Structure formats: structure tokens, C-alpha cells
Amino acid sequence: MNRKKNILNIFFGLVPFSKLRKKLRFKIENKINNNKLIIINKDISFTNCIKDGIEINFTGQNSTVIIHEPVNFKGCSIQAGNNSKVEIFSSKFNISDLHISATKTSEVIIGENFSCYGCSIENQDEPNLKVMIGKDCLFSNGINIRVSDGHSIYQLNNSEIINKPKSGVTIGDHVWIGMNCTILKDVSIPSNSVVGACSLVNKTINQENVVIAGTPAKIIRENINWLRKNTDDIE
């Protein structure tokens, strides 16, 4: 038992063995596969250490997960396959029920002061795609982001694939996404915007400071911005 403790302490580096009971776990053999979990704060960075409230599962090799402190996770998970990168910047807000899958040289980057109450980001079906989420975004619960359709659609006369993704998903700074929204492939949502509840966003919106809503989503109001405060708290 002592030998096992020593091996684990060497692998995780500077992290007490007692913290292995925390929610973040990954296997010893991930070091052999050149996977890295890096925790960064203002003073120092730690490689292959433990972060509360989030479970990391490396399913391939040559992948990196970077987490910038401070950040408070609850019930979150990341699955990193081959040659992928996931980076989550620091936040003063809670991040709950966030689940990320990335593989095939894909990336998921989440900016500072992100908050979330339930979001699934699926970036594992097609190679070289990115999900980029800007600073100060607020996601409600039931959010789904898909960078590909997961299955192929082809033209009968020439077998051409007609639904291949091109770019991934980009969400600007200070975007509020309401509950039960779905964001599909090749979509950009501009900064300072609101996505209404139960919307399906399947095309890029080019205008900032708008409310978009519907299935499919379209602009329903212009020249707006939003605050995290409840309306009753605004003087």
C-alpha cells in the first residue's frame, strides 16, 4: 500500500495522497500517453494535479487540459481523446454541470468569468474543429453545443457529402444563452447578445447587441445589452 501511495504521489506531483478522494481522477498510464492536466494560478502552475468538482478522463494520447484558477466547478467532466486541447479560464462565478468531449485535434476554449448551470459541448466527431466561448458568458441549463451532425448526409446522384462541418462554433464575449438551447455546427453568435430559451441556432448571426430566438433562431430585437442582476435589483 505504501509503495502504491508513493507512485501516485510522484505521478501527481506535490499533491497529497488524501486528495485522490476528490472528484477529479485520471489513470496513471495517461502519463505514458503524453496527456497533461495543468492547473495555473497567479503564482505557480502544477502539472498532473487534482482539481475539485470536475472529473477528467483521458481516452487517447497527446492531449492537454488547462484550468486557470480561481474557478469553482460542481458536477463537471471533461473527456479528452487524441491530440485535443481544453482550456478553461478563471471565473468568479460557479460552473455547474458542464460536460466537454474533445478529440481528433479539436479544441474547446472557455474565456474568463464564464458561468453555467448545465451545458454539453460535443467536439469529438470531426477533426480540427474549435469551440471558442468568450469572456463573461452566462449559460443556463440544458444547453447543447454540437460542432457536427454526428452522421453523414450525401447527395444521391454523386455521393457528395453535404453536411460536413467547416469551422466549429464561436460565441462572443458577454453572451447570455437561455435554457434548453441548441447551438449547431458552423455557428457564430456575436458579443453582447441574448439567445432566448428553447432556441435552435443553426446559422451565424453577424449583428452584435441583439436578442435572437426561435427554431431556427433569428433576430427579434436590436440595440440591447444585458446584466446579470435581476430586474428587481436595478434602481
C-alpha atoms as a PDB file:
ATOM      1  CA  MET A   1       0.000   0.000   0.000  1.00  0.00           C
ATOM      2  CA  ASN A   2       2.812   2.450   0.847  1.00  0.00           C
ATOM      3  CA  ARG A   3       4.501   1.690  -2.454  1.00  0.00           C
ATOM      4  CA  LYS A   4       1.269   2.459  -4.312  1.00  0.00           C
ATOM      5  CA  LYS A   5       0.914   5.750  -2.425  1.00  0.00           C
ATOM      6  CA  ASN A   6       4.439   6.782  -3.346  1.00  0.00           C
ATOM      7  CA  ILE A   7       3.916   6.001  -7.021  1.00  0.00           C
ATOM      8  CA  LEU A   8       0.709   8.052  -7.105  1.00  0.00           C
ATOM      9  CA  ASN A   9       2.320  10.966  -5.289  1.00  0.00           C
ATOM     10  CA  ILE A  10       5.187  11.027  -7.784  1.00  0.00           C
ATOM     11  CA  PHE A  11       2.756  10.976 -10.681  1.00  0.00           C
ATOM     12  CA  PHE A  12       0.516  13.738  -9.397  1.00  0.00           C
ATOM     13  CA  GLY A  13       3.410  15.843  -8.065  1.00  0.00           C
ATOM     14  CA  LEU A  14       3.142  17.925  -4.875  1.00  0.00           C
ATOM     15  CA  VAL A  15      -0.433  16.788  -4.285  1.00  0.00           C
ATOM     16  CA  PRO A  16      -1.160  14.928  -1.006  1.00  0.00           C
ATOM     17  CA  PHE A  17      -2.433  11.391  -1.429  1.00  0.00           C
ATOM     18  CA  SER A  18      -5.556  12.231   0.582  1.00  0.00           C
ATOM     19  CA  LYS A  19      -6.758  14.449  -2.259  1.00  0.00           C
ATOM     20  CA  LEU A  20      -7.101  11.421  -4.504  1.00  0.00           C
ATOM     21  CA  ARG A  21     -10.546  11.041  -2.940  1.00  0.00           C
ATOM     22  CA  LYS A  22     -11.649  14.241  -4.680  1.00  0.00           C
ATOM     23  CA  LYS A  23     -13.863  14.185  -7.751  1.00  0.00           C
ATOM     24  CA  LEU A  24     -11.084  14.700 -10.277  1.00  0.00           C
ATOM     25  CA  ARG A  25      -9.472  11.403 -11.248  1.00  0.00           C
ATOM     26  CA  PHE A  26      -7.360  10.074 -14.102  1.00  0.00           C
ATOM     27  CA  LYS A  27      -5.250   6.969 -14.593  1.00  0.00           C
ATOM     28  CA  ILE A  28      -1.519   6.551 -14.092  1.00  0.00           C
ATOM     29  CA  GLU A  29      -0.981   5.312 -17.651  1.00  0.00           C
ATOM     30  CA  ASN A  30      -2.051   8.723 -19.025  1.00  0.00           C
ATOM     31  CA  LYS A  31       1.454   9.977 -18.276  1.00  0.00           C
ATOM     32  CA  ILE A  32       2.815   7.369 -20.666  1.00  0.00           C
ATOM     33  CA  ASN A  33       0.384   8.583 -23.345  1.00  0.00           C
ATOM     34  CA  ASN A  34       1.690  12.162 -23.018  1.00  0.00           C
ATOM     35  CA  ASN A  35      -1.538  13.626 -21.645  1.00  0.00           C
ATOM     36  CA  LYS A  36      -1.338  16.628 -19.331  1.00  0.00           C
ATOM     37  CA  LEU A  37      -3.620  18.314 -16.837  1.00  0.00           C
ATOM     38  CA  ILE A  38      -2.242  21.754 -15.927  1.00  0.00           C
ATOM     39  CA  ILE A  39      -3.620  23.954 -13.150  1.00  0.00           C
ATOM     40  CA  ILE A  40      -2.497  27.591 -13.402  1.00  0.00           C
ATOM     41  CA  ASN A  41      -2.810  30.315 -10.797  1.00  0.00           C
ATOM     42  CA  LYS A  42      -1.107  33.703 -10.382  1.00  0.00           C
ATOM     43  CA  ASP A  43       1.908  32.326  -8.542  1.00  0.00           C
ATOM     44  CA  ILE A  44       2.676  28.896  -9.939  1.00  0.00           C
ATOM     45  CA  SER A  45       1.449  26.164 -12.236  1.00  0.00           C
ATOM     46  CA  PHE A  46       1.063  22.488 -11.416  1.00  0.00           C
ATOM     47  CA  THR A  47       1.160  19.665 -13.933  1.00  0.00           C
ATOM     48  CA  ASN A  48      -0.856  16.473 -13.432  1.00  0.00           C
ATOM     49  CA  CYS A  49      -2.536  17.550 -10.198  1.00  0.00           C
ATOM     50  CA  ILE A  50      -6.068  17.488  -8.827  1.00  0.00           C
ATOM     51  CA  LYS A  51      -8.945  19.964  -9.156  1.00  0.00           C
ATOM     52  CA  ASP A  52     -12.140  19.629  -7.146  1.00  0.00           C
ATOM     53  CA  GLY A  53     -15.584  19.320  -8.724  1.00  0.00           C
ATOM     54  CA  ILE A  54     -14.524  18.117 -12.149  1.00  0.00           C
ATOM     55  CA  GLU A  55     -13.611  14.688 -13.486  1.00  0.00           C
ATOM     56  CA  ILE A  56     -11.031  14.383 -16.270  1.00  0.00           C
ATOM     57  CA  ASN A  57     -10.918  11.274 -18.426  1.00  0.00           C
ATOM     58  CA  PHE A  58      -8.090  10.984 -20.958  1.00  0.00           C
ATOM     59  CA  THR A  59      -9.207   8.417 -23.533  1.00  0.00           C
ATOM     60  CA  GLY A  60      -6.371   8.913 -26.043  1.00  0.00           C
ATOM     61  CA  GLN A  61      -2.923  10.450 -26.156  1.00  0.00           C
ATOM     62  CA  ASN A  62      -1.139  13.796 -26.621  1.00  0.00           C
ATOM     63  CA  SER A  63      -3.984  15.841 -25.126  1.00  0.00           C
ATOM     64  CA  THR A  64      -3.856  18.799 -22.751  1.00  0.00           C
ATOM     65  CA  VAL A  65      -6.405  20.168 -20.293  1.00  0.00           C
ATOM     66  CA  ILE A  66      -5.579  23.590 -18.815  1.00  0.00           C
ATOM     67  CA  ILE A  67      -7.545  25.129 -15.947  1.00  0.00           C
ATOM     68  CA  HIS A  68      -6.853  28.656 -14.705  1.00  0.00           C
ATOM     69  CA  GLU A  69      -7.617  29.361 -11.056  1.00  0.00           C
ATOM     70  CA  PRO A  70      -9.669  30.504  -9.321  1.00  0.00           C
ATOM     71  CA  VAL A  71     -12.620  28.533 -10.665  1.00  0.00           C
ATOM     72  CA  ASN A  72     -15.381  26.663  -8.843  1.00  0.00           C
ATOM     73  CA  PHE A  73     -16.646  23.513 -10.559  1.00  0.00           C
ATOM     74  CA  LYS A  74     -19.592  21.392  -9.476  1.00  0.00           C
ATOM     75  CA  GLY A  75     -20.514  18.112 -11.147  1.00  0.00           C
ATOM     76  CA  CYS A  76     -18.451  18.783 -14.289  1.00  0.00           C
ATOM     77  CA  SER A  77     -16.475  16.496 -16.590  1.00  0.00           C
ATOM     78  CA  ILE A  78     -14.027  16.584 -19.496  1.00  0.00           C
ATOM     79  CA  GLN A  79     -13.310  13.713 -21.847  1.00  0.00           C
ATOM     80  CA  ALA A  80     -10.156  14.295 -23.896  1.00  0.00           C
ATOM     81  CA  GLY A  81      -9.291  11.971 -26.775  1.00  0.00           C
ATOM     82  CA  ASN A  82      -6.343  12.084 -29.163  1.00  0.00           C
ATOM     83  CA  ASN A  83      -4.457  15.367 -29.729  1.00  0.00           C
ATOM     84  CA  SER A  84      -7.133  17.588 -28.200  1.00  0.00           C
ATOM     85  CA  LYS A  85      -6.951  20.723 -26.068  1.00  0.00           C
ATOM     86  CA  VAL A  86      -9.419  22.015 -23.498  1.00  0.00           C
ATOM     87  CA  GLU A  87      -8.724  25.286 -21.691  1.00  0.00           C
ATOM     88  CA  ILE A  88     -10.972  26.943 -19.113  1.00  0.00           C
ATOM     89  CA  PHE A  89     -10.018  30.364 -17.791  1.00  0.00           C
ATOM     90  CA  SER A  90     -10.670  31.632 -14.269  1.00  0.00           C
ATOM     91  CA  SER A  91     -14.151  32.635 -13.163  1.00  0.00           C
ATOM     92  CA  LYS A  92     -15.676  34.373 -10.164  1.00  0.00           C
ATOM     93  CA  PHE A  93     -18.941  32.563 -10.914  1.00  0.00           C
ATOM     94  CA  ASN A  94     -19.925  28.926 -10.426  1.00  0.00           C
ATOM     95  CA  ILE A  95     -19.603  26.433 -13.272  1.00  0.00           C
ATOM     96  CA  SER A  96     -22.066  23.581 -12.768  1.00  0.00           C
ATOM     97  CA  ASP A  97     -22.924  20.504 -14.833  1.00  0.00           C
ATOM     98  CA  LEU A  98     -20.541  21.347 -17.690  1.00  0.00           C
ATOM     99  CA  HIS A  99     -19.587  18.335 -19.793  1.00  0.00           C
ATOM    100  CA  ILE A 100     -16.998  18.569 -22.576  1.00  0.00           C
ATOM    101  CA  SER A 101     -15.924  15.928 -25.104  1.00  0.00           C
ATOM    102  CA  ALA A 102     -12.993  16.702 -27.412  1.00  0.00           C
ATOM    103  CA  THR A 103     -10.793  14.564 -29.643  1.00  0.00           C
ATOM    104  CA  LYS A 104      -9.250  14.375 -33.154  1.00  0.00           C
ATOM    105  CA  THR A 105      -7.095  17.535 -32.841  1.00  0.00           C
ATOM    106  CA  SER A 106     -10.083  19.576 -31.661  1.00  0.00           C
ATOM    107  CA  GLU A 107     -10.148  22.452 -29.181  1.00  0.00           C
ATOM    108  CA  VAL A 108     -12.563  23.849 -26.618  1.00  0.00           C
ATOM    109  CA  ILE A 109     -11.620  27.232 -25.123  1.00  0.00           C
ATOM    110  CA  ILE A 110     -13.790  28.968 -22.500  1.00  0.00           C
ATOM    111  CA  GLY A 111     -12.994  32.571 -21.533  1.00  0.00           C
ATOM    112  CA  GLU A 112     -12.855  34.316 -18.174  1.00  0.00           C
ATOM    113  CA  ASN A 113     -15.850  34.671 -15.848  1.00  0.00           C
ATOM    114  CA  PHE A 114     -17.935  32.001 -17.525  1.00  0.00           C
ATOM    115  CA  SER A 115     -20.933  30.658 -15.630  1.00  0.00           C
ATOM    116  CA  CYS A 116     -23.048  27.647 -16.400  1.00  0.00           C
ATOM    117  CA  TYR A 117     -25.923  25.633 -14.923  1.00  0.00           C
ATOM    118  CA  GLY A 118     -25.921  22.757 -17.432  1.00  0.00           C
ATOM    119  CA  CYS A 119     -24.132  22.507 -20.780  1.00  0.00           C
ATOM    120  CA  SER A 120     -22.873  19.715 -23.039  1.00  0.00           C
ATOM    121  CA  ILE A 121     -20.151  20.555 -25.586  1.00  0.00           C
ATOM    122  CA  GLU A 122     -19.635  17.789 -28.149  1.00  0.00           C
ATOM    123  CA  ASN A 123     -16.468  18.190 -30.240  1.00  0.00           C
ATOM    124  CA  GLN A 124     -15.368  14.640 -30.905  1.00  0.00           C
ATOM    125  CA  ASP A 125     -16.837  13.504 -34.255  1.00  0.00           C
ATOM    126  CA  GLU A 126     -14.805  15.516 -36.788  1.00  0.00           C
ATOM    127  CA  PRO A 127     -11.125  16.623 -36.740  1.00  0.00           C
ATOM    128  CA  ASN A 128      -9.652  20.128 -36.406  1.00  0.00           C
ATOM    129  CA  LEU A 129     -12.755  21.930 -35.164  1.00  0.00           C
ATOM    130  CA  LYS A 130     -12.890  24.543 -32.408  1.00  0.00           C
ATOM    131  CA  VAL A 131     -15.415  25.709 -29.853  1.00  0.00           C
ATOM    132  CA  MET A 132     -14.495  29.217 -28.717  1.00  0.00           C
ATOM    133  CA  ILE A 133     -16.506  30.852 -25.921  1.00  0.00           C
ATOM    134  CA  GLY A 134     -15.658  34.441 -24.984  1.00  0.00           C
ATOM    135  CA  LYS A 135     -15.434  36.252 -21.663  1.00  0.00           C
ATOM    136  CA  ASP A 136     -18.281  36.825 -19.204  1.00  0.00           C
ATOM    137  CA  CYS A 137     -20.774  34.431 -20.790  1.00  0.00           C
ATOM    138  CA  LEU A 138     -23.774  33.118 -18.884  1.00  0.00           C
ATOM    139  CA  PHE A 139     -25.231  29.741 -19.861  1.00  0.00           C
ATOM    140  CA  SER A 140     -28.455  28.477 -18.306  1.00  0.00           C
ATOM    141  CA  ASN A 141     -29.283  24.755 -18.081  1.00  0.00           C
ATOM    142  CA  GLY A 142     -29.985  22.305 -20.891  1.00  0.00           C
ATOM    143  CA  ILE A 143     -27.536  23.889 -23.343  1.00  0.00           C
ATOM    144  CA  ASN A 144     -26.196  21.685 -26.151  1.00  0.00           C
ATOM    145  CA  ILE A 145     -23.342  22.691 -28.454  1.00  0.00           C
ATOM    146  CA  ARG A 146     -22.623  20.365 -31.386  1.00  0.00           C
ATOM    147  CA  VAL A 147     -19.881  21.119 -33.921  1.00  0.00           C
ATOM    148  CA  SER A 148     -21.005  18.373 -36.292  1.00  0.00           C
ATOM    149  CA  ASP A 149     -24.152  16.419 -37.103  1.00  0.00           C
ATOM    150  CA  GLY A 150     -22.663  13.105 -35.973  1.00  0.00           C
ATOM    151  CA  HIS A 151     -23.818  11.322 -39.138  1.00  0.00           C
ATOM    152  CA  SER A 152     -23.366  11.950 -42.868  1.00  0.00           C
ATOM    153  CA  ILE A 153     -25.901  13.132 -45.426  1.00  0.00           C
ATOM    154  CA  TYR A 154     -24.980  12.649 -49.080  1.00  0.00           C
ATOM    155  CA  GLN A 155     -26.355  13.537 -52.494  1.00  0.00           C
ATOM    156  CA  LEU A 156     -27.799  10.547 -54.340  1.00  0.00           C
ATOM    157  CA  ASN A 157     -26.574  11.481 -57.822  1.00  0.00           C
ATOM    158  CA  ASN A 158     -22.875  11.851 -56.948  1.00  0.00           C
ATOM    159  CA  SER A 159     -22.485  10.642 -53.309  1.00  0.00           C
ATOM    160  CA  GLU A 160     -21.211  14.093 -52.269  1.00  0.00           C
ATOM    161  CA  ILE A 161     -21.326  14.709 -48.502  1.00  0.00           C
ATOM    162  CA  ILE A 162     -23.444  17.810 -47.997  1.00  0.00           C
ATOM    163  CA  ASN A 163     -23.282  18.320 -44.217  1.00  0.00           C
ATOM    164  CA  LYS A 164     -19.541  18.329 -43.482  1.00  0.00           C
ATOM    165  CA  PRO A 165     -18.694  20.956 -40.825  1.00  0.00           C
ATOM    166  CA  LYS A 166     -16.326  23.784 -41.741  1.00  0.00           C
ATOM    167  CA  SER A 167     -15.377  25.842 -38.703  1.00  0.00           C
ATOM    168  CA  GLY A 168     -16.876  24.770 -35.383  1.00  0.00           C
ATOM    169  CA  VAL A 169     -18.706  27.155 -33.038  1.00  0.00           C
ATOM    170  CA  THR A 170     -17.741  30.649 -31.874  1.00  0.00           C
ATOM    171  CA  ILE A 171     -19.565  32.537 -29.130  1.00  0.00           C
ATOM    172  CA  GLY A 172     -18.504  36.118 -28.430  1.00  0.00           C
ATOM    173  CA  ASP A 173     -17.992  37.988 -25.159  1.00  0.00           C
ATOM    174  CA  HIS A 174     -20.862  38.635 -22.745  1.00  0.00           C
ATOM    175  CA  VAL A 175     -23.424  36.311 -24.306  1.00  0.00           C
ATOM    176  CA  TRP A 176     -26.397  35.024 -22.317  1.00  0.00           C
ATOM    177  CA  ILE A 177     -27.865  31.733 -23.536  1.00  0.00           C
ATOM    178  CA  GLY A 178     -31.239  30.774 -22.087  1.00  0.00           C
ATOM    179  CA  MET A 179     -32.366  27.319 -21.021  1.00  0.00           C
ATOM    180  CA  ASN A 180     -32.716  24.356 -23.385  1.00  0.00           C
ATOM    181  CA  CYS A 181     -30.945  25.937 -26.357  1.00  0.00           C
ATOM    182  CA  THR A 182     -29.078  24.040 -29.075  1.00  0.00           C
ATOM    183  CA  ILE A 183     -26.130  25.529 -30.972  1.00  0.00           C
ATOM    184  CA  LEU A 184     -25.200  23.646 -34.145  1.00  0.00           C
ATOM    185  CA  LYS A 185     -22.150  23.474 -36.430  1.00  0.00           C
ATOM    186  CA  ASP A 186     -20.554  26.459 -38.195  1.00  0.00           C
ATOM    187  CA  VAL A 187     -22.375  28.990 -35.996  1.00  0.00           C
ATOM    188  CA  SER A 188     -21.064  32.293 -34.632  1.00  0.00           C
ATOM    189  CA  ILE A 189     -23.014  34.242 -32.021  1.00  0.00           C
ATOM    190  CA  PRO A 190     -21.837  37.861 -31.608  1.00  0.00           C
ATOM    191  CA  SER A 191     -20.884  39.648 -28.392  1.00  0.00           C
ATOM    192  CA  ASN A 192     -23.389  41.311 -26.060  1.00  0.00           C
ATOM    193  CA  SER A 193     -26.257  39.177 -27.287  1.00  0.00           C
ATOM    194  CA  VAL A 194     -29.041  37.074 -25.755  1.00  0.00           C
ATOM    195  CA  VAL A 195     -30.285  33.726 -27.031  1.00  0.00           C
ATOM    196  CA  GLY A 196     -33.873  33.102 -25.956  1.00  0.00           C
ATOM    197  CA  ALA A 197     -34.917  29.912 -24.207  1.00  0.00           C
ATOM    198  CA  CYS A 198     -35.542  26.780 -26.307  1.00  0.00           C
ATOM    199  CA  SER A 199     -33.906  28.278 -29.408  1.00  0.00           C
ATOM    200  CA  LEU A 200     -32.168  26.323 -32.158  1.00  0.00           C
ATOM    201  CA  VAL A 201     -29.244  28.307 -33.583  1.00  0.00           C
ATOM    202  CA  ASN A 202     -28.189  26.794 -36.907  1.00  0.00           C
ATOM    203  CA  LYS A 203     -26.693  29.782 -38.716  1.00  0.00           C
ATOM    204  CA  THR A 204     -24.311  32.632 -37.926  1.00  0.00           C
ATOM    205  CA  ILE A 205     -25.653  35.908 -36.566  1.00  0.00           C
ATOM    206  CA  ASN A 206     -23.467  38.833 -37.644  1.00  0.00           C
ATOM    207  CA  GLN A 207     -25.012  41.695 -35.652  1.00  0.00           C
ATOM    208  CA  GLU A 208     -23.982  42.412 -32.044  1.00  0.00           C
ATOM    209  CA  ASN A 209     -26.300  43.593 -29.260  1.00  0.00           C
ATOM    210  CA  VAL A 210     -29.321  41.582 -30.344  1.00  0.00           C
ATOM    211  CA  VAL A 211     -31.821  39.109 -28.946  1.00  0.00           C
ATOM    212  CA  ILE A 212     -32.182  36.008 -31.078  1.00  0.00           C
ATOM    213  CA  ALA A 213     -34.847  33.380 -30.519  1.00  0.00           C
ATOM    214  CA  GLY A 214     -36.894  30.707 -32.237  1.00  0.00           C
ATOM    215  CA  THR A 215     -36.460  27.481 -34.198  1.00  0.00           C
ATOM    216  CA  PRO A 216     -34.475  28.283 -36.202  1.00  0.00           C
ATOM    217  CA  ALA A 217     -33.275  31.343 -34.286  1.00  0.00           C
ATOM    218  CA  LYS A 218     -33.482  34.802 -35.815  1.00  0.00           C
ATOM    219  CA  ILE A 219     -33.049  38.373 -34.577  1.00  0.00           C
ATOM    220  CA  ILE A 220     -36.151  39.547 -32.723  1.00  0.00           C
ATOM    221  CA  ARG A 221     -34.754  42.700 -31.050  1.00  0.00           C
ATOM    222  CA  GLU A 222     -31.826  45.027 -31.750  1.00  0.00           C
ATOM    223  CA  ASN A 223     -29.765  47.581 -29.794  1.00  0.00           C
ATOM    224  CA  ILE A 224     -29.821  45.727 -26.470  1.00  0.00           C
ATOM    225  CA  ASN A 225     -27.417  44.628 -23.788  1.00  0.00           C
ATOM    226  CA  TRP A 226     -27.922  42.660 -20.589  1.00  0.00           C
ATOM    227  CA  LEU A 227     -26.896  42.464 -16.927  1.00  0.00           C
ATOM    228  CA  ARG A 228     -26.538  39.527 -14.549  1.00  0.00           C
ATOM    229  CA  LYS A 229     -28.669  41.357 -11.987  1.00  0.00           C
ATOM    230  CA  ASN A 230     -32.359  40.542 -11.606  1.00  0.00           C
ATOM    231  CA  THR A 231     -34.672  43.287 -12.886  1.00  0.00           C
ATOM    232  CA  ASP A 232     -35.840  43.899  -9.304  1.00  0.00           C
ATOM    233  CA  ASP A 233     -32.261  44.810  -8.315  1.00  0.00           C
ATOM    234  CA  ILE A 234     -31.958  47.602 -10.891  1.00  0.00           C
ATOM    235  CA  GLU A 235     -32.643  51.048  -9.473  1.00  0.00           C
END
